[in-house]
PDB file of N, CA and C in Angstrom:
ATOM      1  N   MET A   1      -1.713  10.428 -13.822  1.00  0.00           N
ATOM      2  CA  MET A   1      -1.950   9.660 -12.614  1.00  0.00           C
ATOM      3  C   MET A   1      -0.912   8.548 -12.524  1.00  0.00           C
ATOM      4  N   ILE A   2      -0.509   8.246 -11.297  1.00  0.00           N
ATOM      5  CA  ILE A   2       0.518   7.238 -11.014  1.00  0.00           C
ATOM      6  C   ILE A   2      -0.111   6.098 -10.228  1.00  0.00           C
ATOM      7  N   LEU A   3       0.276   4.879 -10.571  1.00  0.00           N
ATOM      8  CA  LEU A   3      -0.169   3.689  -9.839  1.00  0.00           C
ATOM      9  C   LEU A   3       1.013   3.157  -9.043  1.00  0.00           C
ATOM     10  N   GLU A   4       0.837   3.092  -7.740  1.00  0.00           N
ATOM     11  CA  GLU A   4       1.803   2.447  -6.849  1.00  0.00           C
ATOM     12  C   GLU A   4       1.381   0.996  -6.706  1.00  0.00           C
ATOM     13  N   LEU A   5       2.312   0.079  -6.888  1.00  0.00           N
ATOM     14  CA  LEU A   5       2.044  -1.347  -6.731  1.00  0.00           C
ATOM     15  C   LEU A   5       3.005  -1.883  -5.683  1.00  0.00           C
ATOM     16  N   ALA A   6       2.457  -2.464  -4.620  1.00  0.00           N
ATOM     17  CA  ALA A   6       3.275  -3.054  -3.560  1.00  0.00           C
ATOM     18  C   ALA A   6       2.896  -4.513  -3.416  1.00  0.00           C
ATOM     19  N   LEU A   7       3.873  -5.394  -3.544  1.00  0.00           N
ATOM     20  CA  LEU A   7       3.656  -6.824  -3.335  1.00  0.00           C
ATOM     21  C   LEU A   7       3.957  -7.126  -1.873  1.00  0.00           C
ATOM     22  N   LEU A   8       2.930  -7.585  -1.156  1.00  0.00           N
ATOM     23  CA  LEU A   8       3.035  -7.800   0.283  1.00  0.00           C
ATOM     24  C   LEU A   8       2.985  -9.288   0.602  1.00  0.00           C
ATOM     25  N   THR A   9       3.969  -9.776   1.309  1.00  0.00           N
ATOM     26  CA  THR A   9       3.962 -11.143   1.821  1.00  0.00           C
ATOM     27  C   THR A   9       3.864 -11.039   3.339  1.00  0.00           C
ATOM     28  N   ILE A  10       2.814 -11.631   3.882  1.00  0.00           N
ATOM     29  CA  ILE A  10       2.515 -11.532   5.308  1.00  0.00           C
ATOM     30  C   ILE A  10       3.055 -12.763   6.033  1.00  0.00           C
ATOM     31  N   ARG A  11       3.566 -12.547   7.220  1.00  0.00           N
ATOM     32  CA  ARG A  11       4.089 -13.665   8.017  1.00  0.00           C
ATOM     33  C   ARG A  11       2.993 -14.723   8.201  1.00  0.00           C
ATOM     34  N   PRO A  12       3.351 -15.985   8.111  1.00  0.00           N
ATOM     35  CA  PRO A  12       2.354 -17.058   8.240  1.00  0.00           C
ATOM     36  C   PRO A  12       1.538 -16.923   9.523  1.00  0.00           C
ATOM     37  N   GLY A  13       0.235 -17.150   9.391  1.00  0.00           N
ATOM     38  CA  GLY A  13      -0.666 -17.120  10.525  1.00  0.00           C
ATOM     39  C   GLY A  13      -1.103 -15.735  10.969  1.00  0.00           C
ATOM     40  N   GLN A  14      -0.694 -14.694  10.234  1.00  0.00           N
ATOM     41  CA  GLN A  14      -1.020 -13.331  10.658  1.00  0.00           C
ATOM     42  C   GLN A  14      -1.920 -12.588   9.667  1.00  0.00           C
ATOM     43  N   THR A  15      -2.521 -13.294   8.732  1.00  0.00           N
ATOM     44  CA  THR A  15      -3.312 -12.598   7.704  1.00  0.00           C
ATOM     45  C   THR A  15      -4.555 -11.922   8.282  1.00  0.00           C
ATOM     46  N   ALA A  16      -5.248 -12.560   9.199  1.00  0.00           N
ATOM     47  CA  ALA A  16      -6.441 -11.943   9.787  1.00  0.00           C
ATOM     48  C   ALA A  16      -6.072 -10.676  10.547  1.00  0.00           C
ATOM     49  N   GLU A  17      -4.983 -10.724  11.301  1.00  0.00           N
ATOM     50  CA  GLU A  17      -4.533  -9.552  12.045  1.00  0.00           C
ATOM     51  C   GLU A  17      -4.087  -8.444  11.092  1.00  0.00           C
ATOM     52  N   PHE A  18      -3.407  -8.832  10.012  1.00  0.00           N
ATOM     53  CA  PHE A  18      -2.982  -7.854   9.018  1.00  0.00           C
ATOM     54  C   PHE A  18      -4.187  -7.157   8.396  1.00  0.00           C
ATOM     55  N   GLU A  19      -5.185  -7.923   7.983  1.00  0.00           N
ATOM     56  CA  GLU A  19      -6.360  -7.323   7.350  1.00  0.00           C
ATOM     57  C   GLU A  19      -7.093  -6.378   8.312  1.00  0.00           C
ATOM     58  N   ALA A  20      -7.175  -6.750   9.574  1.00  0.00           N
ATOM     59  CA  ALA A  20      -7.819  -5.881  10.566  1.00  0.00           C
ATOM     60  C   ALA A  20      -7.011  -4.590  10.742  1.00  0.00           C
ATOM     61  N   ALA A  21      -5.698  -4.713  10.825  1.00  0.00           N
ATOM     62  CA  ALA A  21      -4.838  -3.537  10.972  1.00  0.00           C
ATOM     63  C   ALA A  21      -4.912  -2.656   9.729  1.00  0.00           C
ATOM     64  N   PHE A  22      -4.984  -3.288   8.561  1.00  0.00           N
ATOM     65  CA  PHE A  22      -5.080  -2.519   7.325  1.00  0.00           C
ATOM     66  C   PHE A  22      -6.387  -1.720   7.276  1.00  0.00           C
ATOM     67  N   ARG A  23      -7.476  -2.365   7.677  1.00  0.00           N
ATOM     68  CA  ARG A  23      -8.767  -1.656   7.717  1.00  0.00           C
ATOM     69  C   ARG A  23      -8.665  -0.396   8.577  1.00  0.00           C
ATOM     70  N   GLU A  24      -8.020  -0.508   9.716  1.00  0.00           N
ATOM     71  CA  GLU A  24      -7.866   0.632  10.617  1.00  0.00           C
ATOM     72  C   GLU A  24      -6.894   1.684  10.080  1.00  0.00           C
ATOM     73  N   ALA A  25      -5.901   1.253   9.295  1.00  0.00           N
ATOM     74  CA  ALA A  25      -4.876   2.170   8.782  1.00  0.00           C
ATOM     75  C   ALA A  25      -5.307   2.910   7.517  1.00  0.00           C
ATOM     76  N   GLN A  26      -6.334   2.438   6.832  1.00  0.00           N
ATOM     77  CA  GLN A  26      -6.735   3.044   5.557  1.00  0.00           C
ATOM     78  C   GLN A  26      -6.922   4.560   5.600  1.00  0.00           C
ATOM     79  N   PRO A  27      -7.554   5.112   6.630  1.00  0.00           N
ATOM     80  CA  PRO A  27      -7.728   6.572   6.648  1.00  0.00           C
ATOM     81  C   PRO A  27      -6.417   7.352   6.646  1.00  0.00           C
ATOM     82  N   LEU A  28      -5.329   6.738   7.106  1.00  0.00           N
ATOM     83  CA  LEU A  28      -4.037   7.416   7.129  1.00  0.00           C
ATOM     84  C   LEU A  28      -3.552   7.740   5.725  1.00  0.00           C
ATOM     85  N   ILE A  29      -3.804   6.851   4.789  1.00  0.00           N
ATOM     86  CA  ILE A  29      -3.379   7.082   3.409  1.00  0.00           C
ATOM     87  C   ILE A  29      -4.455   7.837   2.626  1.00  0.00           C
ATOM     88  N   ALA A  30      -5.707   7.538   2.902  1.00  0.00           N
ATOM     89  CA  ALA A  30      -6.809   8.134   2.140  1.00  0.00           C
ATOM     90  C   ALA A  30      -6.909   9.642   2.344  1.00  0.00           C
ATOM     91  N   GLY A  31      -6.386  10.154   3.421  1.00  0.00           N
ATOM     92  CA  GLY A  31      -6.460  11.585   3.683  1.00  0.00           C
ATOM     93  C   GLY A  31      -5.302  12.389   3.127  1.00  0.00           C
ATOM     94  N   GLN A  32      -4.387  11.741   2.420  1.00  0.00           N
ATOM     95  CA  GLN A  32      -3.196  12.427   1.927  1.00  0.00           C
ATOM     96  C   GLN A  32      -3.471  13.244   0.667  1.00  0.00           C
ATOM     97  N   ALA A  33      -2.745  14.351   0.528  1.00  0.00           N
ATOM     98  CA  ALA A  33      -2.826  15.158  -0.691  1.00  0.00           C
ATOM     99  C   ALA A  33      -2.391  14.305  -1.878  1.00  0.00           C
ATOM    100  N   GLY A  34      -3.137  14.367  -2.954  1.00  0.00           N
ATOM    101  CA  GLY A  34      -2.797  13.619  -4.159  1.00  0.00           C
ATOM    102  C   GLY A  34      -3.300  12.195  -4.189  1.00  0.00           C
ATOM    103  N   TYR A  35      -3.843  11.709  -3.088  1.00  0.00           N
ATOM    104  CA  TYR A  35      -4.406  10.355  -3.047  1.00  0.00           C
ATOM    105  C   TYR A  35      -5.667  10.327  -3.907  1.00  0.00           C
ATOM    106  N   VAL A  36      -5.815   9.256  -4.701  1.00  0.00           N
ATOM    107  CA  VAL A  36      -7.003   9.089  -5.534  1.00  0.00           C
ATOM    108  C   VAL A  36      -7.853   7.939  -5.001  1.00  0.00           C
ATOM    109  N   ARG A  37      -7.262   6.754  -4.894  1.00  0.00           N
ATOM    110  CA  ARG A  37      -7.974   5.588  -4.365  1.00  0.00           C
ATOM    111  C   ARG A  37      -6.971   4.468  -4.155  1.00  0.00           C
ATOM    112  N   HIS A  38      -7.429   3.402  -3.490  1.00  0.00           N
ATOM    113  CA  HIS A  38      -6.571   2.230  -3.304  1.00  0.00           C
ATOM    114  C   HIS A  38      -7.415   0.961  -3.332  1.00  0.00           C
ATOM    115  N   ASP A  39      -6.720  -0.155  -3.493  1.00  0.00           N
ATOM    116  CA  ASP A  39      -7.363  -1.463  -3.510  1.00  0.00           C
ATOM    117  C   ASP A  39      -6.362  -2.474  -2.961  1.00  0.00           C
ATOM    118  N   LEU A  40      -6.801  -3.323  -2.055  1.00  0.00           N
ATOM    119  CA  LEU A  40      -5.979  -4.405  -1.513  1.00  0.00           C
ATOM    120  C   LEU A  40      -6.575  -5.712  -1.998  1.00  0.00           C
ATOM    121  N   GLN A  41      -5.746  -6.548  -2.629  1.00  0.00           N
ATOM    122  CA  GLN A  41      -6.229  -7.823  -3.162  1.00  0.00           C
ATOM    123  C   GLN A  41      -5.386  -8.963  -2.612  1.00  0.00           C
ATOM    124  N   ARG A  42      -6.084 -10.059  -2.230  1.00  0.00           N
ATOM    125  CA  ARG A  42      -5.422 -11.254  -1.690  1.00  0.00           C
ATOM    126  C   ARG A  42      -5.206 -12.248  -2.819  1.00  0.00           C
ATOM    127  N   CYS A  43      -4.067 -12.897  -2.808  1.00  0.00           N
ATOM    128  CA  CYS A  43      -3.718 -13.911  -3.800  1.00  0.00           C
ATOM    129  C   CYS A  43      -4.555 -15.172  -3.573  1.00  0.00           C
ATOM    130  N   LEU A  44      -5.075 -15.737  -4.630  1.00  0.00           N
ATOM    131  CA  LEU A  44      -5.871 -16.964  -4.526  1.00  0.00           C
ATOM    132  C   LEU A  44      -5.007 -18.195  -4.286  1.00  0.00           C
ATOM    133  N   GLU A  45      -3.830 -18.224  -4.863  1.00  0.00           N
ATOM    134  CA  GLU A  45      -2.968 -19.402  -4.734  1.00  0.00           C
ATOM    135  C   GLU A  45      -2.192 -19.436  -3.409  1.00  0.00           C
ATOM    136  N   GLN A  46      -1.852 -18.260  -2.880  1.00  0.00           N
ATOM    137  CA  GLN A  46      -1.081 -18.175  -1.635  1.00  0.00           C
ATOM    138  C   GLN A  46      -1.741 -17.095  -0.771  1.00  0.00           C
ATOM    139  N   ASP A  47      -2.594 -17.496   0.142  1.00  0.00           N
ATOM    140  CA  ASP A  47      -3.451 -16.547   0.846  1.00  0.00           C
ATOM    141  C   ASP A  47      -2.723 -15.611   1.814  1.00  0.00           C
ATOM    142  N   HIS A  48      -1.420 -15.747   1.927  1.00  0.00           N
ATOM    143  CA  HIS A  48      -0.639 -14.826   2.756  1.00  0.00           C
ATOM    144  C   HIS A  48       0.060 -13.758   1.902  1.00  0.00           C
ATOM    145  N   ARG A  49      -0.265 -13.739   0.597  1.00  0.00           N
ATOM    146  CA  ARG A  49       0.305 -12.738  -0.321  1.00  0.00           C
ATOM    147  C   ARG A  49      -0.801 -11.803  -0.788  1.00  0.00           C
ATOM    148  N   TYR A  50      -0.449 -10.525  -0.882  1.00  0.00           N
ATOM    149  CA  TYR A  50      -1.388  -9.479  -1.277  1.00  0.00           C
ATOM    150  C   TYR A  50      -0.714  -8.553  -2.272  1.00  0.00           C
ATOM    151  N   VAL A  51      -1.548  -7.842  -3.007  1.00  0.00           N
ATOM    152  CA  VAL A  51      -1.057  -6.720  -3.796  1.00  0.00           C
ATOM    153  C   VAL A  51      -1.845  -5.492  -3.350  1.00  0.00           C
ATOM    154  N   LEU A  52      -1.118  -4.433  -3.057  1.00  0.00           N
ATOM    155  CA  LEU A  52      -1.729  -3.160  -2.706  1.00  0.00           C
ATOM    156  C   LEU A  52      -1.543  -2.228  -3.888  1.00  0.00           C
ATOM    157  N   LEU A  53      -2.647  -1.718  -4.397  1.00  0.00           N
ATOM    158  CA  LEU A  53      -2.643  -0.772  -5.504  1.00  0.00           C
ATOM    159  C   LEU A  53      -3.122   0.571  -4.963  1.00  0.00           C
ATOM    160  N   VAL A  54      -2.319   1.608  -5.190  1.00  0.00           N
ATOM    161  CA  VAL A  54      -2.704   2.953  -4.751  1.00  0.00           C
ATOM    162  C   VAL A  54      -2.503   3.899  -5.922  1.00  0.00           C
ATOM    163  N   TRP A  55      -3.547   4.633  -6.251  1.00  0.00           N
ATOM    164  CA  TRP A  55      -3.469   5.619  -7.317  1.00  0.00           C
ATOM    165  C   TRP A  55      -3.218   6.988  -6.699  1.00  0.00           C
ATOM    166  N   TRP A  56      -2.218   7.686  -7.234  1.00  0.00           N
ATOM    167  CA  TRP A  56      -1.815   9.021  -6.784  1.00  0.00           C
ATOM    168  C   TRP A  56      -1.868   9.987  -7.962  1.00  0.00           C
ATOM    169  N   GLN A  57      -2.042  11.264  -7.663  1.00  0.00           N
ATOM    170  CA  GLN A  57      -1.997  12.271  -8.725  1.00  0.00           C
ATOM    171  C   GLN A  57      -0.590  12.374  -9.313  1.00  0.00           C
ATOM    172  N   THR A  58       0.437  12.363  -8.458  1.00  0.00           N
ATOM    173  CA  THR A  58       1.826  12.443  -8.920  1.00  0.00           C
ATOM    174  C   THR A  58       2.686  11.466  -8.121  1.00  0.00           C
ATOM    175  N   LEU A  59       3.847  11.155  -8.633  1.00  0.00           N
ATOM    176  CA  LEU A  59       4.795  10.298  -7.921  1.00  0.00           C
ATOM    177  C   LEU A  59       5.199  10.933  -6.593  1.00  0.00           C
ATOM    178  N   GLU A  60       5.405  12.241  -6.603  1.00  0.00           N
ATOM    179  CA  GLU A  60       5.832  12.950  -5.402  1.00  0.00           C
ATOM    180  C   GLU A  60       4.767  12.936  -4.309  1.00  0.00           C
ATOM    181  N   ASP A  61       3.495  12.847  -4.693  1.00  0.00           N
ATOM    182  CA  ASP A  61       2.440  12.739  -3.685  1.00  0.00           C
ATOM    183  C   ASP A  61       2.673  11.518  -2.805  1.00  0.00           C
ATOM    184  N   HIS A  62       3.205  10.457  -3.392  1.00  0.00           N
ATOM    185  CA  HIS A  62       3.511   9.261  -2.604  1.00  0.00           C
ATOM    186  C   HIS A  62       4.890   9.349  -1.967  1.00  0.00           C
ATOM    187  N   THR A  63       5.922   9.556  -2.801  1.00  0.00           N
ATOM    188  CA  THR A  63       7.294   9.427  -2.327  1.00  0.00           C
ATOM    189  C   THR A  63       7.722  10.535  -1.372  1.00  0.00           C
ATOM    190  N   LEU A  64       7.260  11.748  -1.596  1.00  0.00           N
ATOM    191  CA  LEU A  64       7.621  12.866  -0.720  1.00  0.00           C
ATOM    192  C   LEU A  64       6.495  13.202   0.249  1.00  0.00           C
ATOM    193  N   GLY A  65       5.271  13.277  -0.267  1.00  0.00           N
ATOM    194  CA  GLY A  65       4.132  13.670   0.556  1.00  0.00           C
ATOM    195  C   GLY A  65       3.790  12.642   1.613  1.00  0.00           C
ATOM    196  N   PHE A  66       3.301  11.485   1.187  1.00  0.00           N
ATOM    197  CA  PHE A  66       2.883  10.472   2.159  1.00  0.00           C
ATOM    198  C   PHE A  66       4.063   9.930   2.955  1.00  0.00           C
ATOM    199  N   ARG A  67       5.120   9.534   2.281  1.00  0.00           N
ATOM    200  CA  ARG A  67       6.253   8.953   3.006  1.00  0.00           C
ATOM    201  C   ARG A  67       6.943   9.930   3.948  1.00  0.00           C
ATOM    202  N   GLY A  68       6.763  11.222   3.714  1.00  0.00           N
ATOM    203  CA  GLY A  68       7.354  12.221   4.589  1.00  0.00           C
ATOM    204  C   GLY A  68       6.403  12.729   5.661  1.00  0.00           C
ATOM    205  N   SER A  69       5.231  12.152   5.729  1.00  0.00           N
ATOM    206  CA  SER A  69       4.195  12.653   6.638  1.00  0.00           C
ATOM    207  C   SER A  69       4.191  11.925   7.979  1.00  0.00           C
ATOM    208  N   PRO A  70       3.618  12.560   8.997  1.00  0.00           N
ATOM    209  CA  PRO A  70       3.433  11.884  10.289  1.00  0.00           C
ATOM    210  C   PRO A  70       2.514  10.663  10.159  1.00  0.00           C
ATOM    211  N   GLU A  71       1.570  10.719   9.212  1.00  0.00           N
ATOM    212  CA  GLU A  71       0.667   9.580   8.999  1.00  0.00           C
ATOM    213  C   GLU A  71       1.423   8.354   8.510  1.00  0.00           C
ATOM    214  N   TYR A  72       2.495   8.557   7.737  1.00  0.00           N
ATOM    215  CA  TYR A  72       3.282   7.410   7.274  1.00  0.00           C
ATOM    216  C   TYR A  72       3.963   6.715   8.452  1.00  0.00           C
ATOM    217  N   ALA A  73       4.418   7.476   9.419  1.00  0.00           N
ATOM    218  CA  ALA A  73       5.029   6.862  10.603  1.00  0.00           C
ATOM    219  C   ALA A  73       4.003   5.981  11.319  1.00  0.00           C
ATOM    220  N   GLN A  74       2.760   6.433  11.392  1.00  0.00           N
ATOM    221  CA  GLN A  74       1.697   5.622  12.000  1.00  0.00           C
ATOM    222  C   GLN A  74       1.398   4.398  11.144  1.00  0.00           C
ATOM    223  N   TRP A  75       1.327   4.587   9.824  1.00  0.00           N
ATOM    224  CA  TRP A  75       1.107   3.488   8.873  1.00  0.00           C
ATOM    225  C   TRP A  75       2.174   2.424   9.075  1.00  0.00           C
ATOM    226  N   ARG A  76       3.425   2.868   9.107  1.00  0.00           N
ATOM    227  CA  ARG A  76       4.561   1.958   9.267  1.00  0.00           C
ATOM    228  C   ARG A  76       4.450   1.182  10.575  1.00  0.00           C
ATOM    229  N   SER A  77       4.124   1.862  11.671  1.00  0.00           N
ATOM    230  CA  SER A  77       4.063   1.165  12.963  1.00  0.00           C
ATOM    231  C   SER A  77       2.901   0.180  13.032  1.00  0.00           C
ATOM    232  N   ARG A  78       1.829   0.436  12.310  1.00  0.00           N
ATOM    233  CA  ARG A  78       0.668  -0.465  12.324  1.00  0.00           C
ATOM    234  C   ARG A  78       0.816  -1.656  11.389  1.00  0.00           C
ATOM    235  N   LEU A  79       1.588  -1.505  10.298  1.00  0.00           N
ATOM    236  CA  LEU A  79       1.576  -2.539   9.259  1.00  0.00           C
ATOM    237  C   LEU A  79       2.916  -3.214   8.965  1.00  0.00           C
ATOM    238  N   HIS A  80       4.015  -2.513   9.102  1.00  0.00           N
ATOM    239  CA  HIS A  80       5.280  -3.053   8.594  1.00  0.00           C
ATOM    240  C   HIS A  80       5.752  -4.309   9.315  1.00  0.00           C
ATOM    241  N   HIS A  81       5.336  -4.533  10.545  1.00  0.00           N
ATOM    242  CA  HIS A  81       5.791  -5.732  11.267  1.00  0.00           C
ATOM    243  C   HIS A  81       5.139  -7.017  10.732  1.00  0.00           C
ATOM    244  N   PHE A  82       4.140  -6.902   9.874  1.00  0.00           N
ATOM    245  CA  PHE A  82       3.503  -8.082   9.280  1.00  0.00           C
ATOM    246  C   PHE A  82       4.279  -8.620   8.077  1.00  0.00           C
ATOM    247  N   TYR A  83       5.155  -7.814   7.477  1.00  0.00           N
ATOM    248  CA  TYR A  83       5.778  -8.163   6.201  1.00  0.00           C
ATOM    249  C   TYR A  83       7.025  -9.020   6.376  1.00  0.00           C
ATOM    250  N   GLU A  84       7.120 -10.063   5.559  1.00  0.00           N
ATOM    251  CA  GLU A  84       8.329 -10.903   5.522  1.00  0.00           C
ATOM    252  C   GLU A  84       8.415 -11.563   4.153  1.00  0.00           C
ATOM    253  N   PRO A  85       9.257 -11.071   3.262  1.00  0.00           N
ATOM    254  CA  PRO A  85      10.207  -9.966   3.398  1.00  0.00           C
ATOM    255  C   PRO A  85       9.509  -8.617   3.232  1.00  0.00           C
ATOM    256  N   PHE A  86      10.308  -7.544   3.331  1.00  0.00           N
ATOM    257  CA  PHE A  86       9.748  -6.209   3.167  1.00  0.00           C
ATOM    258  C   PHE A  86       9.235  -6.057   1.738  1.00  0.00           C
ATOM    259  N   PRO A  87       8.112  -5.390   1.532  1.00  0.00           N
ATOM    260  CA  PRO A  87       7.495  -5.301   0.210  1.00  0.00           C
ATOM    261  C   PRO A  87       8.356  -4.623  -0.843  1.00  0.00           C
ATOM    262  N   ARG A  88       8.158  -5.081  -2.039  1.00  0.00           N
ATOM    263  CA  ARG A  88       8.728  -4.424  -3.210  1.00  0.00           C
ATOM    264  C   ARG A  88       7.665  -3.434  -3.693  1.00  0.00           C
ATOM    265  N   VAL A  89       8.053  -2.172  -3.869  1.00  0.00           N
ATOM    266  CA  VAL A  89       7.126  -1.132  -4.292  1.00  0.00           C
ATOM    267  C   VAL A  89       7.630  -0.527  -5.591  1.00  0.00           C
ATOM    268  N   GLU A  90       6.735  -0.454  -6.578  1.00  0.00           N
ATOM    269  CA  GLU A  90       7.066   0.152  -7.862  1.00  0.00           C
ATOM    270  C   GLU A  90       5.942   1.090  -8.261  1.00  0.00           C
ATOM    271  N   HIS A  91       6.260   2.008  -9.172  1.00  0.00           N
ATOM    272  CA  HIS A  91       5.294   2.999  -9.641  1.00  0.00           C
ATOM    273  C   HIS A  91       5.144   2.890 -11.150  1.00  0.00           C
ATOM    274  N   PHE A  92       3.904   3.058 -11.618  1.00  0.00           N
ATOM    275  CA  PHE A  92       3.596   2.902 -13.030  1.00  0.00           C
ATOM    276  C   PHE A  92       2.759   4.069 -13.516  1.00  0.00           C
ATOM    277  N   GLU A  93       2.841   4.325 -14.826  1.00  0.00           N
ATOM    278  CA  GLU A  93       1.982   5.307 -15.455  1.00  0.00           C
ATOM    279  C   GLU A  93       1.383   4.687 -16.712  1.00  0.00           C
ATOM    280  N   SER A  94       0.243   5.205 -17.117  1.00  0.00           N
ATOM    281  CA  SER A  94      -0.449   4.675 -18.288  1.00  0.00           C
ATOM    282  C   SER A  94       0.373   4.937 -19.549  1.00  0.00           C
ATOM    283  N   VAL A  95       0.278   4.011 -20.468  1.00  0.00           N
ATOM    284  CA  VAL A  95       0.918   4.140 -21.769  1.00  0.00           C
ATOM    285  C   VAL A  95      -0.175   4.516 -22.774  1.00  0.00           C
ATOM    286  N   ARG A  96       0.014   5.612 -23.442  1.00  0.00           N
ATOM    287  CA  ARG A  96      -0.949   6.023 -24.471  1.00  0.00           C
ATOM    288  C   ARG A  96      -0.686   5.234 -25.733  1.00  0.00           C
ATOM    289  N   LEU A  97      -1.656   4.444 -26.132  1.00  0.00           N
ATOM    290  CA  LEU A  97      -1.491   3.559 -27.279  1.00  0.00           C
ATOM    291  C   LEU A  97      -2.152   4.097 -28.546  1.00  0.00           C
ATOM    292  N   ALA A  98      -2.940   5.129 -28.405  1.00  0.00           N
ATOM    293  CA  ALA A  98      -3.602   5.670 -29.603  1.00  0.00           C
ATOM    294  C   ALA A  98      -3.222   7.099 -29.827  1.00  0.00           C
TER     295      ALA A  98
END
């Protein structure tokens, strides 16, 4: 399983609108092949900063599947105008320690 981590900084004064748009956009990502779950968390120290965590079965489910889908174009049009600067997105996998 792969964890996508996106650090989101929202334009000042637009957090309520962003959260409403995100609520409406969630089904676009949740219906994708390889999607497992997601979580959006707001920063306590800077309430215009968020972290979006999305778990995928494979890296390609996100990078090729979702990003190449018509739903991603809708996701982008609903959410990307809130970001300043554009989010940094990284992918992680579990480290087996035992």
